[in-house]
Amino acid sequence: MSLASLALALLLSCSNSKDTPESIAQKWCDLNSKVFNAPNDEARQKAEKDLKDYEKKIDQKYEGDEEMRKKVMAEVEKCEGASETPEK
């Protein structure tokens, strides 16, 4: 197996890792930060679409799993305020 094939296989195996409430919340907060820190309307609209798309994906994936949803919301609360603070 070549080095490139090995690297690709490793990358694919990592991308299939299970979501955690922390990883979901961190991604949500990162996307939310992009909305609040967008330099212009076009960038803000793209960031808002990316955030809504991510929310939809997570909602569909964890539909009916109230325990996971509660854990994610608790983690989001930890980083939401910081994600809405302008970057310097």
C-alpha atoms as a PDB file:
ATOM      1  CA  MET A   1       0.000   0.000   0.000  1.00  0.00           C
ATOM      2  CA  SER A   2       1.415   3.355  -0.981  1.00  0.00           C
ATOM      3  CA  LEU A   3       1.816   6.194   1.468  1.00  0.00           C
ATOM      4  CA  ALA A   4      -0.921   8.183  -0.291  1.00  0.00           C
ATOM      5  CA  SER A   5      -3.338   5.242  -0.101  1.00  0.00           C
ATOM      6  CA  LEU A   6      -2.551   4.752   3.567  1.00  0.00           C
ATOM      7  CA  ALA A   7      -3.126   8.444   4.276  1.00  0.00           C
ATOM      8  CA  LEU A   8      -6.444   8.387   2.403  1.00  0.00           C
ATOM      9  CA  ALA A   9      -7.598   5.272   4.266  1.00  0.00           C
ATOM     10  CA  LEU A  10      -6.677   6.884   7.594  1.00  0.00           C
ATOM     11  CA  LEU A  11      -8.491  10.095   6.673  1.00  0.00           C
ATOM     12  CA  LEU A  12     -11.628   8.207   5.673  1.00  0.00           C
ATOM     13  CA  SER A  13     -11.626   6.135   8.843  1.00  0.00           C
ATOM     14  CA  CYS A  14     -11.328   9.276  10.954  1.00  0.00           C
ATOM     15  CA  SER A  15     -14.139  11.012   9.107  1.00  0.00           C
ATOM     16  CA  ASN A  16     -16.464   8.132   9.986  1.00  0.00           C
ATOM     17  CA  SER A  17     -15.849   8.536  13.696  1.00  0.00           C
ATOM     18  CA  LYS A  18     -18.871   8.820  15.943  1.00  0.00           C
ATOM     19  CA  ASP A  19     -20.113  12.276  16.804  1.00  0.00           C
ATOM     20  CA  THR A  20     -20.014  13.323  20.422  1.00  0.00           C
ATOM     21  CA  PRO A  21     -22.128  16.066  21.993  1.00  0.00           C
ATOM     22  CA  GLU A  22     -18.925  18.057  22.381  1.00  0.00           C
ATOM     23  CA  SER A  23     -17.853  17.674  18.741  1.00  0.00           C
ATOM     24  CA  ILE A  24     -21.332  18.539  17.450  1.00  0.00           C
ATOM     25  CA  ALA A  25     -21.532  21.609  19.688  1.00  0.00           C
ATOM     26  CA  GLN A  26     -18.038  22.742  18.735  1.00  0.00           C
ATOM     27  CA  LYS A  27     -18.842  22.526  15.026  1.00  0.00           C
ATOM     28  CA  TRP A  28     -22.126  24.386  15.607  1.00  0.00           C
ATOM     29  CA  CYS A  29     -20.330  27.120  17.558  1.00  0.00           C
ATOM     30  CA  ASP A  30     -17.624  27.395  14.896  1.00  0.00           C
ATOM     31  CA  LEU A  31     -20.280  27.854  12.211  1.00  0.00           C
ATOM     32  CA  ASN A  32     -22.214  30.306  14.397  1.00  0.00           C
ATOM     33  CA  SER A  33     -19.037  32.328  14.887  1.00  0.00           C
ATOM     34  CA  LYS A  34     -18.653  32.586  11.115  1.00  0.00           C
ATOM     35  CA  VAL A  35     -22.146  34.099  10.923  1.00  0.00           C
ATOM     36  CA  PHE A  36     -21.351  36.733  13.546  1.00  0.00           C
ATOM     37  CA  ASN A  37     -17.902  37.517  12.161  1.00  0.00           C
ATOM     38  CA  ALA A  38     -18.699  37.550   8.458  1.00  0.00           C
ATOM     39  CA  PRO A  39     -16.994  40.492   6.772  1.00  0.00           C
ATOM     40  CA  ASN A  40     -19.925  41.197   4.435  1.00  0.00           C
ATOM     41  CA  ASP A  41     -23.505  40.218   3.601  1.00  0.00           C
ATOM     42  CA  GLU A  42     -22.482  37.601   1.044  1.00  0.00           C
ATOM     43  CA  ALA A  43     -20.212  35.834   3.536  1.00  0.00           C
ATOM     44  CA  ARG A  44     -22.895  36.098   6.233  1.00  0.00           C
ATOM     45  CA  GLN A  45     -25.524  34.531   3.965  1.00  0.00           C
ATOM     46  CA  LYS A  46     -23.182  31.649   3.115  1.00  0.00           C
ATOM     47  CA  ALA A  47     -22.352  31.140   6.794  1.00  0.00           C
ATOM     48  CA  GLU A  48     -26.043  31.175   7.714  1.00  0.00           C
ATOM     49  CA  LYS A  49     -26.771  28.565   5.037  1.00  0.00           C
ATOM     50  CA  ASP A  50     -23.892  26.381   6.230  1.00  0.00           C
ATOM     51  CA  LEU A  51     -25.180  26.626   9.815  1.00  0.00           C
ATOM     52  CA  LYS A  52     -28.760  25.762   8.827  1.00  0.00           C
ATOM     53  CA  ASP A  53     -27.531  22.842   6.698  1.00  0.00           C
ATOM     54  CA  TYR A  54     -25.505  21.502   9.633  1.00  0.00           C
ATOM     55  CA  GLU A  55     -28.455  21.890  12.010  1.00  0.00           C
ATOM     56  CA  LYS A  56     -30.684  20.002   9.570  1.00  0.00           C
ATOM     57  CA  LYS A  57     -28.123  17.203   9.202  1.00  0.00           C
ATOM     58  CA  ILE A  58     -27.772  16.804  12.968  1.00  0.00           C
ATOM     59  CA  ASP A  59     -31.541  17.040  13.524  1.00  0.00           C
ATOM     60  CA  GLN A  60     -32.115  14.264  10.998  1.00  0.00           C
ATOM     61  CA  LYS A  61     -29.313  12.110  12.340  1.00  0.00           C
ATOM     62  CA  TYR A  62     -30.466  12.303  15.959  1.00  0.00           C
ATOM     63  CA  GLU A  63     -34.222  12.549  15.433  1.00  0.00           C
ATOM     64  CA  GLY A  64     -35.917  10.768  18.308  1.00  0.00           C
ATOM     65  CA  ASP A  65     -32.766  10.664  20.477  1.00  0.00           C
ATOM     66  CA  GLU A  66     -33.781  13.134  23.182  1.00  0.00           C
ATOM     67  CA  GLU A  67     -30.847  12.228  25.424  1.00  0.00           C
ATOM     68  CA  MET A  68     -28.323  13.132  22.717  1.00  0.00           C
ATOM     69  CA  ARG A  69     -30.209  16.337  21.881  1.00  0.00           C
ATOM     70  CA  LYS A  70     -30.147  17.436  25.545  1.00  0.00           C
ATOM     71  CA  LYS A  71     -26.432  16.733  25.810  1.00  0.00           C
ATOM     72  CA  VAL A  72     -25.719  18.672  22.614  1.00  0.00           C
ATOM     73  CA  MET A  73     -27.780  21.643  23.802  1.00  0.00           C
ATOM     74  CA  ALA A  74     -25.916  21.664  27.131  1.00  0.00           C
ATOM     75  CA  GLU A  75     -22.604  21.741  25.264  1.00  0.00           C
ATOM     76  CA  VAL A  76     -23.823  24.440  22.859  1.00  0.00           C
ATOM     77  CA  GLU A  77     -24.733  26.635  25.827  1.00  0.00           C
ATOM     78  CA  LYS A  78     -21.098  26.473  26.946  1.00  0.00           C
ATOM     79  CA  CYS A  79     -19.720  27.914  23.711  1.00  0.00           C
ATOM     80  CA  GLU A  80     -22.612  29.885  22.219  1.00  0.00           C
ATOM     81  CA  GLY A  81     -21.781  33.199  23.906  1.00  0.00           C
ATOM     82  CA  ALA A  82     -18.168  33.073  22.804  1.00  0.00           C
ATOM     83  CA  SER A  83     -19.227  32.225  19.258  1.00  0.00           C
ATOM     84  CA  GLU A  84     -21.247  35.442  19.140  1.00  0.00           C
ATOM     85  CA  THR A  85     -18.333  37.623  20.212  1.00  0.00           C
ATOM     86  CA  PRO A  86     -16.575  39.558  17.445  1.00  0.00           C
ATOM     87  CA  GLU A  87     -13.100  38.285  16.611  1.00  0.00           C
ATOM     88  CA  LYS A  88     -10.261  40.756  16.975  1.00  0.00           C
END
